[in-house]
Amino acid sequence: MECVLAYVADLGSFLHGFSYLFLTEWGLKKVTTAIIH
């Protein structure tokens, strides 16, 4: 059971980091586009 919880926690932190990177990249693109246009 502990293994499953640890796996879920790892998956959660991975998804959180992934979505954070995705949002950051998306935000940077929006800012860059706003500056260029």
PDB file of N, CA and C in Angstrom:
ATOM      1  N   MET A   1       0.831  -1.205   0.000  1.00  0.00           N
ATOM      2  CA  MET A   1       0.000   0.000   0.000  1.00  0.00           C
ATOM      3  C   MET A   1       0.867   1.257   0.000  1.00  0.00           C
ATOM      4  N   GLU A   2       1.936   1.248   0.791  1.00  0.00           N
ATOM      5  CA  GLU A   2       2.832   2.414   0.820  1.00  0.00           C
ATOM      6  C   GLU A   2       3.428   2.670  -0.563  1.00  0.00           C
ATOM      7  N   CYS A   3       3.718   1.586  -1.283  1.00  0.00           N
ATOM      8  CA  CYS A   3       4.298   1.733  -2.622  1.00  0.00           C
ATOM      9  C   CYS A   3       3.325   2.472  -3.542  1.00  0.00           C
ATOM     10  N   VAL A   4       2.051   2.111  -3.446  1.00  0.00           N
ATOM     11  CA  VAL A   4       1.041   2.740  -4.301  1.00  0.00           C
ATOM     12  C   VAL A   4       0.928   4.220  -3.967  1.00  0.00           C
ATOM     13  N   LEU A   5       0.913   4.541  -2.672  1.00  0.00           N
ATOM     14  CA  LEU A   5       0.803   5.939  -2.259  1.00  0.00           C
ATOM     15  C   LEU A   5       2.002   6.738  -2.744  1.00  0.00           C
ATOM     16  N   ALA A   6       3.191   6.151  -2.630  1.00  0.00           N
ATOM     17  CA  ALA A   6       4.404   6.837  -3.071  1.00  0.00           C
ATOM     18  C   ALA A   6       4.352   7.065  -4.584  1.00  0.00           C
ATOM     19  N   TYR A   7       3.858   6.061  -5.311  1.00  0.00           N
ATOM     20  CA  TYR A   7       3.750   6.177  -6.768  1.00  0.00           C
ATOM     21  C   TYR A   7       2.779   7.294  -7.147  1.00  0.00           C
ATOM     22  N   VAL A   8       1.633   7.337  -6.460  1.00  0.00           N
ATOM     23  CA  VAL A   8       0.632   8.367  -6.742  1.00  0.00           C
ATOM     24  C   VAL A   8       1.194   9.748  -6.423  1.00  0.00           C
ATOM     25  N   ALA A   9       1.942   9.851  -5.317  1.00  0.00           N
ATOM     26  CA  ALA A   9       2.531  11.134  -4.932  1.00  0.00           C
ATOM     27  C   ALA A   9       3.545  11.577  -5.987  1.00  0.00           C
ATOM     28  N   ASP A  10       4.359  10.635  -6.473  1.00  0.00           N
ATOM     29  CA  ASP A  10       5.335  10.950  -7.523  1.00  0.00           C
ATOM     30  C   ASP A  10       4.621  11.419  -8.782  1.00  0.00           C
ATOM     31  N   LEU A  11       3.559  10.706  -9.147  1.00  0.00           N
ATOM     32  CA  LEU A  11       2.810  11.048 -10.351  1.00  0.00           C
ATOM     33  C   LEU A  11       2.189  12.432 -10.206  1.00  0.00           C
ATOM     34  N   GLY A  12       1.670  12.721  -9.012  1.00  0.00           N
ATOM     35  CA  GLY A  12       1.053  14.021  -8.767  1.00  0.00           C
ATOM     36  C   GLY A  12       2.055  15.152  -8.901  1.00  0.00           C
ATOM     37  N   SER A  13       3.234  14.977  -8.301  1.00  0.00           N
ATOM     38  CA  SER A  13       4.248  16.027  -8.369  1.00  0.00           C
ATOM     39  C   SER A  13       4.757  16.183  -9.801  1.00  0.00           C
ATOM     40  N   PHE A  14       4.848  15.065 -10.522  1.00  0.00           N
ATOM     41  CA  PHE A  14       5.294  15.115 -11.917  1.00  0.00           C
ATOM     42  C   PHE A  14       4.297  15.898 -12.763  1.00  0.00           C
ATOM     43  N   LEU A  15       3.001  15.587 -12.595  1.00  0.00           N
ATOM     44  CA  LEU A  15       1.965  16.286 -13.360  1.00  0.00           C
ATOM     45  C   LEU A  15       1.932  17.757 -12.995  1.00  0.00           C
ATOM     46  N   HIS A  16       2.135  18.053 -11.705  1.00  0.00           N
ATOM     47  CA  HIS A  16       2.129  19.442 -11.260  1.00  0.00           C
ATOM     48  C   HIS A  16       3.279  20.204 -11.920  1.00  0.00           C
ATOM     49  N   GLY A  17       4.465  19.612 -11.909  1.00  0.00           N
ATOM     50  CA  GLY A  17       5.626  20.245 -12.526  1.00  0.00           C
ATOM     51  C   GLY A  17       5.446  20.394 -14.028  1.00  0.00           C
ATOM     52  N   PHE A  18       4.863  19.370 -14.647  1.00  0.00           N
ATOM     53  CA  PHE A  18       4.652  19.404 -16.094  1.00  0.00           C
ATOM     54  C   PHE A  18       3.678  20.514 -16.470  1.00  0.00           C
ATOM     55  N   SER A  19       2.550  20.584 -15.748  1.00  0.00           N
ATOM     56  CA  SER A  19       1.550  21.617 -16.048  1.00  0.00           C
ATOM     57  C   SER A  19       2.121  23.003 -15.771  1.00  0.00           C
ATOM     58  N   TYR A  20       2.976  23.107 -14.723  1.00  0.00           N
ATOM     59  CA  TYR A  20       3.590  24.399 -14.402  1.00  0.00           C
ATOM     60  C   TYR A  20       4.495  24.845 -15.546  1.00  0.00           C
ATOM     61  N   LEU A  21       5.306  23.908 -16.062  1.00  0.00           N
ATOM     62  CA  LEU A  21       6.193  24.229 -17.182  1.00  0.00           C
ATOM     63  C   LEU A  21       5.379  24.620 -18.411  1.00  0.00           C
ATOM     64  N   PHE A  22       4.302  23.861 -18.661  1.00  0.00           N
ATOM     65  CA  PHE A  22       3.452  24.123 -19.826  1.00  0.00           C
ATOM     66  C   PHE A  22       2.831  25.513 -19.730  1.00  0.00           C
ATOM     67  N   LEU A  23       2.297  25.843 -18.542  1.00  0.00           N
ATOM     68  CA  LEU A  23       1.664  27.149 -18.355  1.00  0.00           C
ATOM     69  C   LEU A  23       2.694  28.268 -18.473  1.00  0.00           C
ATOM     70  N   THR A  24       3.902  28.034 -17.947  1.00  0.00           N
ATOM     71  CA  THR A  24       4.943  29.052 -18.012  1.00  0.00           C
ATOM     72  C   THR A  24       5.329  29.315 -19.467  1.00  0.00           C
ATOM     73  N   GLU A  25       5.499  28.229 -20.235  1.00  0.00           N
ATOM     74  CA  GLU A  25       5.861  28.371 -21.650  1.00  0.00           C
ATOM     75  C   GLU A  25       4.744  29.089 -22.399  1.00  0.00           C
ATOM     76  N   TRP A  26       3.492  28.721 -22.111  1.00  0.00           N
ATOM     77  CA  TRP A  26       2.339  29.342 -22.767  1.00  0.00           C
ATOM     78  C   TRP A  26       2.273  30.822 -22.411  1.00  0.00           C
ATOM     79  N   GLY A  27       2.511  31.140 -21.143  1.00  0.00           N
ATOM     80  CA  GLY A  27       2.486  32.534 -20.691  1.00  0.00           C
ATOM     81  C   GLY A  27       3.584  33.346 -21.369  1.00  0.00           C
ATOM     82  N   LEU A  28       4.777  32.763 -21.477  1.00  0.00           N
ATOM     83  CA  LEU A  28       5.886  33.467 -22.127  1.00  0.00           C
ATOM     84  C   LEU A  28       5.560  33.738 -23.591  1.00  0.00           C
ATOM     85  N   LYS A  29       4.952  32.754 -24.252  1.00  0.00           N
ATOM     86  CA  LYS A  29       4.585  32.942 -25.662  1.00  0.00           C
ATOM     87  C   LYS A  29       3.575  34.070 -25.800  1.00  0.00           C
ATOM     88  N   LYS A  30       2.597  34.122 -24.893  1.00  0.00           N
ATOM     89  CA  LYS A  30       1.588  35.185 -24.948  1.00  0.00           C
ATOM     90  C   LYS A  30       2.243  36.549 -24.748  1.00  0.00           C
ATOM     91  N   VAL A  31       3.135  36.643 -23.778  1.00  0.00           N
ATOM     92  CA  VAL A  31       3.812  37.912 -23.495  1.00  0.00           C
ATOM     93  C   VAL A  31       4.662  38.328 -24.690  1.00  0.00           C
ATOM     94  N   THR A  32       5.406  37.364 -25.242  1.00  0.00           N
ATOM     95  CA  THR A  32       6.256  37.662 -26.399  1.00  0.00           C
ATOM     96  C   THR A  32       5.410  38.133 -27.574  1.00  0.00           C
ATOM     97  N   THR A  33       4.295  37.454 -27.816  1.00  0.00           N
ATOM     98  CA  THR A  33       3.410  37.836 -28.918  1.00  0.00           C
ATOM     99  C   THR A  33       2.856  39.239 -28.694  1.00  0.00           C
ATOM    100  N   ALA A  34       2.494  39.544 -27.458  1.00  0.00           N
ATOM    101  CA  ALA A  34       1.944  40.864 -27.145  1.00  0.00           C
ATOM    102  C   ALA A  34       2.989  41.955 -27.387  1.00  0.00           C
ATOM    103  N   ILE A  35       4.247  41.649 -27.052  1.00  0.00           N
ATOM    104  CA  ILE A  35       5.314  42.640 -27.233  1.00  0.00           C
ATOM    105  C   ILE A  35       5.605  42.846 -28.723  1.00  0.00           C
ATOM    106  N   ILE A  36       5.628  41.749 -29.482  1.00  0.00           N
ATOM    107  CA  ILE A  36       5.963  41.833 -30.905  1.00  0.00           C
ATOM    108  C   ILE A  36       4.883  42.586 -31.669  1.00  0.00           C
ATOM    109  N   HIS A  37       3.602  42.317 -31.379  1.00  0.00           N
ATOM    110  CA  HIS A  37       2.515  42.934 -32.145  1.00  0.00           C
ATOM    111  C   HIS A  37       2.134  44.288 -31.596  1.00  0.00           C
TER     112      HIS A  37
END
